[in-house]
Amino acid sequence: MAKKQSVKMVPKSAFVMPALPASLKLDPLLLSLLHTMSFLEFSDDDAVDPDHAIEAMESVGAYLQRLSPEQVSGIQSQLTKIAAYARKKKLSDEFVEFIGDFLQNAGVALEDDEWDE
């Protein structure tokens, strides 16, 4: 007879980005990137080493800086849509701010009028 093992609940210290509906028609690659970056940004230090998280996020930022102006514009448009959805669904202000500042924090230059969207 197999011995029963007790299940111990462990506090969740890793951030998981809320699922965004397909109806928003967002690029799945962008959503994957946002999911990964928000995990690195918001997970507790016991889940992700902060030094390694910063290093990984800086590398992602370096790649994003290679985007063409048209690609940046398309991503900014999608980020604006995500931020509006997040506000409507009353997701955390911290997450909304993360989305709104995503490209700027990655070091991606936007046209002056795009910063306030």
PDB file of N, CA and C in Angstrom:
ATOM      1  N   MET A   1       0.848  -1.174   0.000  1.00  0.00           N
ATOM      2  CA  MET A   1       0.000   0.000   0.000  1.00  0.00           C
ATOM      3  C   MET A   1       0.896   1.240   0.000  1.00  0.00           C
ATOM      4  N   ALA A   2       0.581   2.166  -0.869  1.00  0.00           N
ATOM      5  CA  ALA A   2       1.370   3.394  -0.974  1.00  0.00           C
ATOM      6  C   ALA A   2       1.108   4.283   0.232  1.00  0.00           C
ATOM      7  N   LYS A   3       2.157   4.897   0.694  1.00  0.00           N
ATOM      8  CA  LYS A   3       2.072   5.810   1.820  1.00  0.00           C
ATOM      9  C   LYS A   3       1.533   7.155   1.345  1.00  0.00           C
ATOM     10  N   LYS A   4       0.558   7.711   2.036  1.00  0.00           N
ATOM     11  CA  LYS A   4       0.015   9.024   1.673  1.00  0.00           C
ATOM     12  C   LYS A   4       1.010  10.101   2.054  1.00  0.00           C
ATOM     13  N   GLN A   5       1.220  11.014   1.131  1.00  0.00           N
ATOM     14  CA  GLN A   5       2.083  12.145   1.413  1.00  0.00           C
ATOM     15  C   GLN A   5       1.222  13.379   1.599  1.00  0.00           C
ATOM     16  N   SER A   6       1.604  14.170   2.571  1.00  0.00           N
ATOM     17  CA  SER A   6       0.847  15.400   2.774  1.00  0.00           C
ATOM     18  C   SER A   6       1.324  16.445   1.772  1.00  0.00           C
ATOM     19  N   VAL A   7       0.396  17.248   1.339  1.00  0.00           N
ATOM     20  CA  VAL A   7       0.706  18.317   0.390  1.00  0.00           C
ATOM     21  C   VAL A   7       0.870  19.593   1.195  1.00  0.00           C
ATOM     22  N   LYS A   8       2.008  20.235   0.998  1.00  0.00           N
ATOM     23  CA  LYS A   8       2.277  21.481   1.714  1.00  0.00           C
ATOM     24  C   LYS A   8       2.127  22.633   0.733  1.00  0.00           C
ATOM     25  N   MET A   9       1.297  23.595   1.081  1.00  0.00           N
ATOM     26  CA  MET A   9       1.114  24.766   0.236  1.00  0.00           C
ATOM     27  C   MET A   9       2.317  25.697   0.411  1.00  0.00           C
ATOM     28  N   VAL A  10       2.814  26.177  -0.694  1.00  0.00           N
ATOM     29  CA  VAL A  10       3.954  27.081  -0.677  1.00  0.00           C
ATOM     30  C   VAL A  10       3.460  28.435  -1.141  1.00  0.00           C
ATOM     31  N   PRO A  11       3.829  29.499  -0.418  1.00  0.00           N
ATOM     32  CA  PRO A  11       3.398  30.828  -0.869  1.00  0.00           C
ATOM     33  C   PRO A  11       3.942  31.118  -2.261  1.00  0.00           C
ATOM     34  N   LYS A  12       3.102  31.703  -3.094  1.00  0.00           N
ATOM     35  CA  LYS A  12       3.508  32.007  -4.467  1.00  0.00           C
ATOM     36  C   LYS A  12       4.227  33.342  -4.489  1.00  0.00           C
ATOM     37  N   SER A  13       5.480  33.293  -4.929  1.00  0.00           N
ATOM     38  CA  SER A  13       6.258  34.523  -4.963  1.00  0.00           C
ATOM     39  C   SER A  13       6.652  34.907  -6.380  1.00  0.00           C
ATOM     40  N   ALA A  14       6.186  34.108  -7.341  1.00  0.00           N
ATOM     41  CA  ALA A  14       6.483  34.386  -8.743  1.00  0.00           C
ATOM     42  C   ALA A  14       5.266  35.058  -9.373  1.00  0.00           C
ATOM     43  N   PHE A  15       5.511  36.123 -10.106  1.00  0.00           N
ATOM     44  CA  PHE A  15       4.428  36.864 -10.748  1.00  0.00           C
ATOM     45  C   PHE A  15       4.010  36.165 -12.037  1.00  0.00           C
ATOM     46  N   VAL A  16       2.720  36.079 -12.255  1.00  0.00           N
ATOM     47  CA  VAL A  16       2.181  35.553 -13.510  1.00  0.00           C
ATOM     48  C   VAL A  16       1.272  36.625 -14.094  1.00  0.00           C
ATOM     49  N   MET A  17       1.610  37.077 -15.286  1.00  0.00           N
ATOM     50  CA  MET A  17       0.830  38.112 -15.947  1.00  0.00           C
ATOM     51  C   MET A  17      -0.594  37.614 -16.203  1.00  0.00           C
ATOM     52  N   PRO A  18      -1.580  38.449 -15.953  1.00  0.00           N
ATOM     53  CA  PRO A  18      -2.962  38.043 -16.243  1.00  0.00           C
ATOM     54  C   PRO A  18      -3.120  37.701 -17.730  1.00  0.00           C
ATOM     55  N   ALA A  19      -3.924  36.693 -18.002  1.00  0.00           N
ATOM     56  CA  ALA A  19      -4.182  36.297 -19.386  1.00  0.00           C
ATOM     57  C   ALA A  19      -4.946  37.408 -20.094  1.00  0.00           C
ATOM     58  N   LEU A  20      -4.557  37.683 -21.315  1.00  0.00           N
ATOM     59  CA  LEU A  20      -5.235  38.683 -22.127  1.00  0.00           C
ATOM     60  C   LEU A  20      -6.011  37.962 -23.220  1.00  0.00           C
ATOM     61  N   PRO A  21      -7.247  38.366 -23.465  1.00  0.00           N
ATOM     62  CA  PRO A  21      -8.106  37.627 -24.394  1.00  0.00           C
ATOM     63  C   PRO A  21      -7.674  37.765 -25.858  1.00  0.00           C
ATOM     64  N   ALA A  22      -7.932  36.724 -26.610  1.00  0.00           N
ATOM     65  CA  ALA A  22      -7.629  36.723 -28.044  1.00  0.00           C
ATOM     66  C   ALA A  22      -8.413  37.815 -28.776  1.00  0.00           C
ATOM     67  N   SER A  23      -9.541  38.211 -28.200  1.00  0.00           N
ATOM     68  CA  SER A  23     -10.373  39.237 -28.846  1.00  0.00           C
ATOM     69  C   SER A  23      -9.647  40.580 -28.977  1.00  0.00           C
ATOM     70  N   LEU A  24      -8.585  40.791 -28.197  1.00  0.00           N
ATOM     71  CA  LEU A  24      -7.815  42.029 -28.324  1.00  0.00           C
ATOM     72  C   LEU A  24      -6.925  42.030 -29.569  1.00  0.00           C
ATOM     73  N   LYS A  25      -6.780  40.865 -30.176  1.00  0.00           N
ATOM     74  CA  LYS A  25      -5.999  40.711 -31.420  1.00  0.00           C
ATOM     75  C   LYS A  25      -4.578  41.270 -31.265  1.00  0.00           C
ATOM     76  N   LEU A  26      -3.890  40.780 -30.228  1.00  0.00           N
ATOM     77  CA  LEU A  26      -2.520  41.197 -29.946  1.00  0.00           C
ATOM     78  C   LEU A  26      -1.542  40.164 -30.475  1.00  0.00           C
ATOM     79  N   ASP A  27      -0.357  40.611 -30.821  1.00  0.00           N
ATOM     80  CA  ASP A  27       0.692  39.731 -31.319  1.00  0.00           C
ATOM     81  C   ASP A  27       1.100  38.758 -30.213  1.00  0.00           C
ATOM     82  N   PRO A  28       0.967  37.455 -30.445  1.00  0.00           N
ATOM     83  CA  PRO A  28       1.342  36.473 -29.422  1.00  0.00           C
ATOM     84  C   PRO A  28       2.817  36.566 -29.014  1.00  0.00           C
ATOM     85  N   LEU A  29       3.683  36.974 -29.922  1.00  0.00           N
ATOM     86  CA  LEU A  29       5.093  37.127 -29.554  1.00  0.00           C
ATOM     87  C   LEU A  29       5.269  38.278 -28.562  1.00  0.00           C
ATOM     88  N   LEU A  30       4.548  39.375 -28.762  1.00  0.00           N
ATOM     89  CA  LEU A  30       4.605  40.483 -27.814  1.00  0.00           C
ATOM     90  C   LEU A  30       4.066  40.030 -26.462  1.00  0.00           C
ATOM     91  N   LEU A  31       2.961  39.300 -26.456  1.00  0.00           N
ATOM     92  CA  LEU A  31       2.402  38.817 -25.196  1.00  0.00           C
ATOM     93  C   LEU A  31       3.380  37.894 -24.475  1.00  0.00           C
ATOM     94  N   SER A  32       4.066  37.059 -25.222  1.00  0.00           N
ATOM     95  CA  SER A  32       5.065  36.170 -24.621  1.00  0.00           C
ATOM     96  C   SER A  32       6.195  36.976 -23.992  1.00  0.00           C
ATOM     97  N   LEU A  33       6.634  37.993 -24.693  1.00  0.00           N
ATOM     98  CA  LEU A  33       7.699  38.854 -24.188  1.00  0.00           C
ATOM     99  C   LEU A  33       7.243  39.600 -22.929  1.00  0.00           C
ATOM    100  N   LEU A  34       6.035  40.136 -22.949  1.00  0.00           N
ATOM    101  CA  LEU A  34       5.509  40.843 -21.784  1.00  0.00           C
ATOM    102  C   LEU A  34       5.353  39.907 -20.592  1.00  0.00           C
ATOM    103  N   HIS A  35       4.910  38.689 -20.853  1.00  0.00           N
ATOM    104  CA  HIS A  35       4.750  37.707 -19.788  1.00  0.00           C
ATOM    105  C   HIS A  35       6.103  37.435 -19.127  1.00  0.00           C
ATOM    106  N   THR A  36       7.124  37.228 -19.940  1.00  0.00           N
ATOM    107  CA  THR A  36       8.464  36.945 -19.427  1.00  0.00           C
ATOM    108  C   THR A  36       9.036  38.141 -18.682  1.00  0.00           C
ATOM    109  N   MET A  37       8.929  39.309 -19.285  1.00  0.00           N
ATOM    110  CA  MET A  37       9.498  40.507 -18.666  1.00  0.00           C
ATOM    111  C   MET A  37       8.774  40.871 -17.367  1.00  0.00           C
ATOM    112  N   SER A  38       7.453  40.702 -17.318  1.00  0.00           N
ATOM    113  CA  SER A  38       6.733  41.012 -16.081  1.00  0.00           C
ATOM    114  C   SER A  38       7.073  39.990 -14.994  1.00  0.00           C
ATOM    115  N   PHE A  39       7.314  38.749 -15.385  1.00  0.00           N
ATOM    116  CA  PHE A  39       7.763  37.727 -14.429  1.00  0.00           C
ATOM    117  C   PHE A  39       9.091  38.153 -13.801  1.00  0.00           C
ATOM    118  N   LEU A  40      10.022  38.595 -14.636  1.00  0.00           N
ATOM    119  CA  LEU A  40      11.328  39.028 -14.138  1.00  0.00           C
ATOM    120  C   LEU A  40      11.206  40.281 -13.274  1.00  0.00           C
ATOM    121  N   GLU A  41      10.340  41.196 -13.666  1.00  0.00           N
ATOM    122  CA  GLU A  41      10.187  42.475 -12.960  1.00  0.00           C
ATOM    123  C   GLU A  41       9.493  42.323 -11.612  1.00  0.00           C
ATOM    124  N   PHE A  42       8.438  41.524 -11.539  1.00  0.00           N
ATOM    125  CA  PHE A  42       7.575  41.513 -10.364  1.00  0.00           C
ATOM    126  C   PHE A  42       7.729  40.318  -9.434  1.00  0.00           C
ATOM    127  N   SER A  43       8.459  39.294  -9.834  1.00  0.00           N
ATOM    128  CA  SER A  43       8.621  38.133  -8.957  1.00  0.00           C
ATOM    129  C   SER A  43       9.519  38.487  -7.782  1.00  0.00           C
ATOM    130  N   ASP A  44       9.229  37.897  -6.650  1.00  0.00           N
ATOM    131  CA  ASP A  44      10.028  38.127  -5.445  1.00  0.00           C
ATOM    132  C   ASP A  44      11.455  37.631  -5.636  1.00  0.00           C
ATOM    133  N   ASP A  45      12.348  38.168  -4.833  1.00  0.00           N
ATOM    134  CA  ASP A  45      13.763  37.819  -4.927  1.00  0.00           C
ATOM    135  C   ASP A  45      14.029  36.338  -4.667  1.00  0.00           C
ATOM    136  N   ASP A  46      13.157  35.679  -3.899  1.00  0.00           N
ATOM    137  CA  ASP A  46      13.357  34.254  -3.653  1.00  0.00           C
ATOM    138  C   ASP A  46      12.938  33.403  -4.847  1.00  0.00           C
ATOM    139  N   ALA A  47      12.184  33.979  -5.779  1.00  0.00           N
ATOM    140  CA  ALA A  47      11.778  33.262  -6.990  1.00  0.00           C
ATOM    141  C   ALA A  47      12.751  33.504  -8.140  1.00  0.00           C
ATOM    142  N   VAL A  48      13.256  34.728  -8.238  1.00  0.00           N
ATOM    143  CA  VAL A  48      14.165  35.103  -9.323  1.00  0.00           C
ATOM    144  C   VAL A  48      15.265  35.981  -8.737  1.00  0.00           C
ATOM    145  N   ASP A  49      16.498  35.592  -8.993  1.00  0.00           N
ATOM    146  CA  ASP A  49      17.620  36.401  -8.516  1.00  0.00           C
ATOM    147  C   ASP A  49      17.555  37.767  -9.192  1.00  0.00           C
ATOM    148  N   PRO A  50      17.465  38.852  -8.414  1.00  0.00           N
ATOM    149  CA  PRO A  50      17.284  40.178  -9.011  1.00  0.00           C
ATOM    150  C   PRO A  50      18.418  40.592  -9.941  1.00  0.00           C
ATOM    151  N   ASP A  51      19.647  40.221  -9.634  1.00  0.00           N
ATOM    152  CA  ASP A  51      20.771  40.574 -10.507  1.00  0.00           C
ATOM    153  C   ASP A  51      20.644  39.892 -11.864  1.00  0.00           C
ATOM    154  N   HIS A  52      20.230  38.631 -11.848  1.00  0.00           N
ATOM    155  CA  HIS A  52      20.056  37.909 -13.110  1.00  0.00           C
ATOM    156  C   HIS A  52      18.852  38.443 -13.884  1.00  0.00           C
ATOM    157  N   ALA A  53      17.807  38.822 -13.159  1.00  0.00           N
ATOM    158  CA  ALA A  53      16.619  39.382 -13.808  1.00  0.00           C
ATOM    159  C   ALA A  53      16.975  40.680 -14.527  1.00  0.00           C
ATOM    160  N   ILE A  54      17.719  41.550 -13.862  1.00  0.00           N
ATOM    161  CA  ILE A  54      18.113  42.821 -14.477  1.00  0.00           C
ATOM    162  C   ILE A  54      18.978  42.574 -15.710  1.00  0.00           C
ATOM    163  N   GLU A  55      19.909  41.646 -15.597  1.00  0.00           N
ATOM    164  CA  GLU A  55      20.778  41.333 -16.734  1.00  0.00           C
ATOM    165  C   GLU A  55      19.955  40.844 -17.929  1.00  0.00           C
ATOM    166  N   ALA A  56      18.995  39.966 -17.664  1.00  0.00           N
ATOM    167  CA  ALA A  56      18.147  39.436 -18.744  1.00  0.00           C
ATOM    168  C   ALA A  56      17.305  40.553 -19.360  1.00  0.00           C
ATOM    169  N   MET A  57      16.729  41.419 -18.517  1.00  0.00           N
ATOM    170  CA  MET A  57      15.895  42.502 -19.031  1.00  0.00           C
ATOM    171  C   MET A  57      16.710  43.508 -19.837  1.00  0.00           C
ATOM    172  N   GLU A  58      17.932  43.758 -19.426  1.00  0.00           N
ATOM    173  CA  GLU A  58      18.799  44.652 -20.202  1.00  0.00           C
ATOM    174  C   GLU A  58      19.124  44.051 -21.567  1.00  0.00           C
ATOM    175  N   SER A  59      19.312  42.741 -21.619  1.00  0.00           N
ATOM    176  CA  SER A  59      19.571  42.086 -22.901  1.00  0.00           C
ATOM    177  C   SER A  59      18.357  42.189 -23.822  1.00  0.00           C
ATOM    178  N   VAL A  60      17.184  41.976 -23.267  1.00  0.00           N
ATOM    179  CA  VAL A  60      15.958  42.114 -24.060  1.00  0.00           C
ATOM    180  C   VAL A  60      15.842  43.541 -24.579  1.00  0.00           C
ATOM    181  N   GLY A  61      16.120  44.511 -23.722  1.00  0.00           N
ATOM    182  CA  GLY A  61      16.077  45.907 -24.137  1.00  0.00           C
ATOM    183  C   GLY A  61      17.019  46.195 -25.293  1.00  0.00           C
ATOM    184  N   ALA A  62      18.213  45.614 -25.245  1.00  0.00           N
ATOM    185  CA  ALA A  62      19.186  45.819 -26.323  1.00  0.00           C
ATOM    186  C   ALA A  62      18.645  45.289 -27.651  1.00  0.00           C
ATOM    187  N   TYR A  63      17.959  44.159 -27.612  1.00  0.00           N
ATOM    188  CA  TYR A  63      17.365  43.623 -28.838  1.00  0.00           C
ATOM    189  C   TYR A  63      16.207  44.486 -29.320  1.00  0.00           C
ATOM    190  N   LEU A  64      15.386  44.952 -28.391  1.00  0.00           N
ATOM    191  CA  LEU A  64      14.249  45.789 -28.776  1.00  0.00           C
ATOM    192  C   LEU A  64      14.706  47.100 -29.406  1.00  0.00           C
ATOM    193  N   GLN A  65      15.878  47.578 -29.046  1.00  0.00           N
ATOM    194  CA  GLN A  65      16.398  48.821 -29.611  1.00  0.00           C
ATOM    195  C   GLN A  65      16.753  48.673 -31.089  1.00  0.00           C
ATOM    196  N   ARG A  66      16.751  47.458 -31.585  1.00  0.00           N
ATOM    197  CA  ARG A  66      17.014  47.208 -33.008  1.00  0.00           C
ATOM    198  C   ARG A  66      15.753  47.314 -33.866  1.00  0.00           C
ATOM    199  N   LEU A  67      14.611  47.493 -33.240  1.00  0.00           N
ATOM    200  CA  LEU A  67      13.352  47.561 -33.991  1.00  0.00           C
ATOM    201  C   LEU A  67      13.314  48.792 -34.881  1.00  0.00           C
ATOM    202  N   SER A  68      12.632  48.638 -36.003  1.00  0.00           N
ATOM    203  CA  SER A  68      12.430  49.781 -36.894  1.00  0.00           C
ATOM    204  C   SER A  68      11.381  50.707 -36.278  1.00  0.00           C
ATOM    205  N   PRO A  69      11.340  51.965 -36.719  1.00  0.00           N
ATOM    206  CA  PRO A  69      10.308  52.882 -36.214  1.00  0.00           C
ATOM    207  C   PRO A  69       8.884  52.345 -36.437  1.00  0.00           C
ATOM    208  N   GLU A  70       8.677  51.653 -37.547  1.00  0.00           N
ATOM    209  CA  GLU A  70       7.345  51.093 -37.823  1.00  0.00           C
ATOM    210  C   GLU A  70       7.007  49.992 -36.822  1.00  0.00           C
ATOM    211  N   GLN A  71       7.987  49.151 -36.499  1.00  0.00           N
ATOM    212  CA  GLN A  71       7.755  48.091 -35.521  1.00  0.00           C
ATOM    213  C   GLN A  71       7.478  48.679 -34.141  1.00  0.00           C
ATOM    214  N   VAL A  72       8.240  49.699 -33.771  1.00  0.00           N
ATOM    215  CA  VAL A  72       8.035  50.360 -32.480  1.00  0.00           C
ATOM    216  C   VAL A  72       6.626  50.949 -32.415  1.00  0.00           C
ATOM    217  N   SER A  73       6.204  51.583 -33.472  1.00  0.00           N
ATOM    218  CA  SER A  73       4.867  52.176 -33.519  1.00  0.00           C
ATOM    219  C   SER A  73       3.789  51.104 -33.349  1.00  0.00           C
ATOM    220  N   GLY A  74       3.963  49.967 -34.015  1.00  0.00           N
ATOM    221  CA  GLY A  74       2.997  48.874 -33.897  1.00  0.00           C
ATOM    222  C   GLY A  74       2.942  48.314 -32.487  1.00  0.00           C
ATOM    223  N   ILE A  75       4.104  48.169 -31.868  1.00  0.00           N
ATOM    224  CA  ILE A  75       4.147  47.665 -30.494  1.00  0.00           C
ATOM    225  C   ILE A  75       3.518  48.681 -29.545  1.00  0.00           C
ATOM    226  N   GLN A  76       3.834  49.962 -29.738  1.00  0.00           N
ATOM    227  CA  GLN A  76       3.261  51.000 -28.872  1.00  0.00           C
ATOM    228  C   GLN A  76       1.740  50.996 -28.967  1.00  0.00           C
ATOM    229  N   SER A  77       1.216  50.798 -30.158  1.00  0.00           N
ATOM    230  CA  SER A  77      -0.232  50.742 -30.344  1.00  0.00           C
ATOM    231  C   SER A  77      -0.835  49.581 -29.555  1.00  0.00           C
ATOM    232  N   GLN A  78      -0.181  48.434 -29.596  1.00  0.00           N
ATOM    233  CA  GLN A  78      -0.665  47.268 -28.852  1.00  0.00           C
ATOM    234  C   GLN A  78      -0.547  47.478 -27.343  1.00  0.00           C
ATOM    235  N   LEU A  79       0.546  48.104 -26.906  1.00  0.00           N
ATOM    236  CA  LEU A  79       0.724  48.382 -25.481  1.00  0.00           C
ATOM    237  C   LEU A  79      -0.350  49.331 -24.970  1.00  0.00           C
ATOM    238  N   THR A  80      -0.726  50.302 -25.786  1.00  0.00           N
ATOM    239  CA  THR A  80      -1.793  51.230 -25.423  1.00  0.00           C
ATOM    240  C   THR A  80      -3.107  50.475 -25.253  1.00  0.00           C
ATOM    241  N   LYS A  81      -3.357  49.534 -26.144  1.00  0.00           N
ATOM    242  CA  LYS A  81      -4.567  48.716 -26.068  1.00  0.00           C
ATOM    243  C   LYS A  81      -4.552  47.844 -24.802  1.00  0.00           C
ATOM    244  N   ILE A  82      -3.390  47.281 -24.473  1.00  0.00           N
ATOM    245  CA  ILE A  82      -3.268  46.447 -23.272  1.00  0.00           C
ATOM    246  C   ILE A  82      -3.491  47.290 -22.019  1.00  0.00           C
ATOM    247  N   ALA A  83      -2.886  48.472 -21.978  1.00  0.00           N
ATOM    248  CA  ALA A  83      -3.044  49.343 -20.809  1.00  0.00           C
ATOM    249  C   ALA A  83      -4.511  49.726 -20.608  1.00  0.00           C
ATOM    250  N   ALA A  84      -5.205  50.035 -21.691  1.00  0.00           N
ATOM    251  CA  ALA A  84      -6.630  50.389 -21.591  1.00  0.00           C
ATOM    252  C   ALA A  84      -7.440  49.204 -21.059  1.00  0.00           C
ATOM    253  N   TYR A  85      -7.155  48.015 -21.565  1.00  0.00           N
ATOM    254  CA  TYR A  85      -7.836  46.808 -21.100  1.00  0.00           C
ATOM    255  C   TYR A  85      -7.542  46.573 -19.611  1.00  0.00           C
ATOM    256  N   ALA A  86      -6.281  46.734 -19.220  1.00  0.00           N
ATOM    257  CA  ALA A  86      -5.877  46.502 -17.830  1.00  0.00           C
ATOM    258  C   ALA A  86      -6.573  47.482 -16.885  1.00  0.00           C
ATOM    259  N   ARG A  87      -6.684  48.732 -17.307  1.00  0.00           N
ATOM    260  CA  ARG A  87      -7.397  49.720 -16.482  1.00  0.00           C
ATOM    261  C   ARG A  87      -8.875  49.349 -16.372  1.00  0.00           C
ATOM    262  N   LYS A  88      -9.475  48.956 -17.494  1.00  0.00           N
ATOM    263  CA  LYS A  88     -10.892  48.590 -17.514  1.00  0.00           C
ATOM    264  C   LYS A  88     -11.169  47.406 -16.581  1.00  0.00           C
ATOM    265  N   LYS A  89     -10.244  46.448 -16.561  1.00  0.00           N
ATOM    266  CA  LYS A  89     -10.406  45.249 -15.734  1.00  0.00           C
ATOM    267  C   LYS A  89      -9.882  45.451 -14.311  1.00  0.00           C
ATOM    268  N   LYS A  90      -9.443  46.682 -14.027  1.00  0.00           N
ATOM    269  CA  LYS A  90      -8.939  47.048 -12.704  1.00  0.00           C
ATOM    270  C   LYS A  90      -7.767  46.167 -12.265  1.00  0.00           C
ATOM    271  N   LEU A  91      -6.861  45.893 -13.224  1.00  0.00           N
ATOM    272  CA  LEU A  91      -5.625  45.199 -12.875  1.00  0.00           C
ATOM    273  C   LEU A  91      -4.753  46.173 -12.093  1.00  0.00           C
ATOM    274  N   SER A  92      -3.743  45.684 -11.447  1.00  0.00           N
ATOM    275  CA  SER A  92      -2.945  46.532 -10.553  1.00  0.00           C
ATOM    276  C   SER A  92      -2.361  47.735 -11.286  1.00  0.00           C
ATOM    277  N   ASP A  93      -2.302  48.839 -10.572  1.00  0.00           N
ATOM    278  CA  ASP A  93      -1.697  50.055 -11.125  1.00  0.00           C
ATOM    279  C   ASP A  93      -0.246  49.802 -11.513  1.00  0.00           C
ATOM    280  N   GLU A  94       0.432  48.978 -10.741  1.00  0.00           N
ATOM    281  CA  GLU A  94       1.827  48.649 -11.014  1.00  0.00           C
ATOM    282  C   GLU A  94       1.964  47.960 -12.379  1.00  0.00           C
ATOM    283  N   PHE A  95       1.043  47.056 -12.694  1.00  0.00           N
ATOM    284  CA  PHE A  95       1.078  46.362 -13.982  1.00  0.00           C
ATOM    285  C   PHE A  95       0.755  47.328 -15.119  1.00  0.00           C
ATOM    286  N   VAL A  96      -0.241  48.180 -14.922  1.00  0.00           N
ATOM    287  CA  VAL A  96      -0.604  49.170 -15.950  1.00  0.00           C
ATOM    288  C   VAL A  96       0.587  50.079 -16.235  1.00  0.00           C
ATOM    289  N   GLU A  97       1.273  50.509 -15.184  1.00  0.00           N
ATOM    290  CA  GLU A  97       2.446  51.356 -15.358  1.00  0.00           C
ATOM    291  C   GLU A  97       3.568  50.605 -16.093  1.00  0.00           C
ATOM    292  N   PHE A  98       3.755  49.333 -15.753  1.00  0.00           N
ATOM    293  CA  PHE A  98       4.753  48.502 -16.427  1.00  0.00           C
ATOM    294  C   PHE A  98       4.494  48.465 -17.933  1.00  0.00           C
ATOM    295  N   ILE A  99       3.240  48.263 -18.307  1.00  0.00           N
ATOM    296  CA  ILE A  99       2.871  48.211 -19.725  1.00  0.00           C
ATOM    297  C   ILE A  99       3.110  49.569 -20.379  1.00  0.00           C
ATOM    298  N   GLY A 100       2.670  50.630 -19.717  1.00  0.00           N
ATOM    299  CA  GLY A 100       2.811  51.973 -20.280  1.00  0.00           C
ATOM    300  C   GLY A 100       4.255  52.414 -20.463  1.00  0.00           C
ATOM    301  N   ASP A 101       5.126  51.948 -19.595  1.00  0.00           N
ATOM    302  CA  ASP A 101       6.535  52.349 -19.636  1.00  0.00           C
ATOM    303  C   ASP A 101       7.442  51.319 -20.304  1.00  0.00           C
ATOM    304  N   PHE A 102       6.856  50.262 -20.829  1.00  0.00           N
ATOM    305  CA  PHE A 102       7.646  49.130 -21.310  1.00  0.00           C
ATOM    306  C   PHE A 102       8.739  49.521 -22.309  1.00  0.00           C
ATOM    307  N   LEU A 103       8.372  50.198 -23.372  1.00  0.00           N
ATOM    308  CA  LEU A 103       9.366  50.540 -24.398  1.00  0.00           C
ATOM    309  C   LEU A 103      10.384  51.551 -23.866  1.00  0.00           C
ATOM    310  N   GLN A 104       9.917  52.537 -23.141  1.00  0.00           N
ATOM    311  CA  GLN A 104      10.825  53.532 -22.581  1.00  0.00           C
ATOM    312  C   GLN A 104      11.841  52.862 -21.646  1.00  0.00           C
ATOM    313  N   ASN A 105      11.379  51.956 -20.804  1.00  0.00           N
ATOM    314  CA  ASN A 105      12.281  51.266 -19.882  1.00  0.00           C
ATOM    315  C   ASN A 105      13.252  50.345 -20.612  1.00  0.00           C
ATOM    316  N   ALA A 106      12.875  49.913 -21.804  1.00  0.00           N
ATOM    317  CA  ALA A 106      13.762  49.075 -22.612  1.00  0.00           C
ATOM    318  C   ALA A 106      14.761  49.918 -23.400  1.00  0.00           C
ATOM    319  N   GLY A 107      14.640  51.244 -23.286  1.00  0.00           N
ATOM    320  CA  GLY A 107      15.567  52.123 -23.987  1.00  0.00           C
ATOM    321  C   GLY A 107      15.207  52.363 -25.434  1.00  0.00           C
ATOM    322  N   VAL A 108      13.950  52.072 -25.768  1.00  0.00           N
ATOM    323  CA  VAL A 108      13.491  52.255 -27.146  1.00  0.00           C
ATOM    324  C   VAL A 108      12.971  53.676 -27.297  1.00  0.00           C
ATOM    325  N   ALA A 109      13.508  54.383 -28.271  1.00  0.00           N
ATOM    326  CA  ALA A 109      13.099  55.782 -28.514  1.00  0.00           C
ATOM    327  C   ALA A 109      11.759  55.811 -29.224  1.00  0.00           C
ATOM    328  N   LEU A 110      10.869  56.634 -28.695  1.00  0.00           N
ATOM    329  CA  LEU A 110       9.560  56.853 -29.321  1.00  0.00           C
ATOM    330  C   LEU A 110       9.486  58.294 -29.783  1.00  0.00           C
ATOM    331  N   GLU A 111       8.581  58.538 -30.697  1.00  0.00           N
ATOM    332  CA  GLU A 111       8.301  59.923 -31.093  1.00  0.00           C
ATOM    333  C   GLU A 111       7.776  60.639 -29.849  1.00  0.00           C
ATOM    334  N   ASP A 112       8.065  61.918 -29.708  1.00  0.00           N
ATOM    335  CA  ASP A 112       7.681  62.666 -28.518  1.00  0.00           C
ATOM    336  C   ASP A 112       6.193  62.531 -28.170  1.00  0.00           C
ATOM    337  N   ASP A 113       5.336  62.542 -29.186  1.00  0.00           N
ATOM    338  CA  ASP A 113       3.900  62.500 -28.918  1.00  0.00           C
ATOM    339  C   ASP A 113       3.411  61.109 -28.506  1.00  0.00           C
ATOM    340  N   GLU A 114       4.226  60.078 -28.636  1.00  0.00           N
ATOM    341  CA  GLU A 114       3.800  58.732 -28.260  1.00  0.00           C
ATOM    342  C   GLU A 114       4.003  58.459 -26.773  1.00  0.00           C
ATOM    343  N   TRP A 115       4.797  59.257 -26.073  1.00  0.00           N
ATOM    344  CA  TRP A 115       5.095  58.980 -24.666  1.00  0.00           C
ATOM    345  C   TRP A 115       3.863  59.116 -23.789  1.00  0.00           C
ATOM    346  N   ASP A 116       2.945  59.956 -24.163  1.00  0.00           N
ATOM    347  CA  ASP A 116       1.802  60.214 -23.292  1.00  0.00           C
ATOM    348  C   ASP A 116       0.585  59.337 -23.574  1.00  0.00           C
ATOM    349  N   GLU A 117       0.662  58.435 -24.512  1.00  0.00           N
ATOM    350  CA  GLU A 117      -0.502  57.607 -24.838  1.00  0.00           C
ATOM    351  C   GLU A 117      -0.804  56.623 -23.736  1.00  0.00           C
TER     352      GLU A 117
END
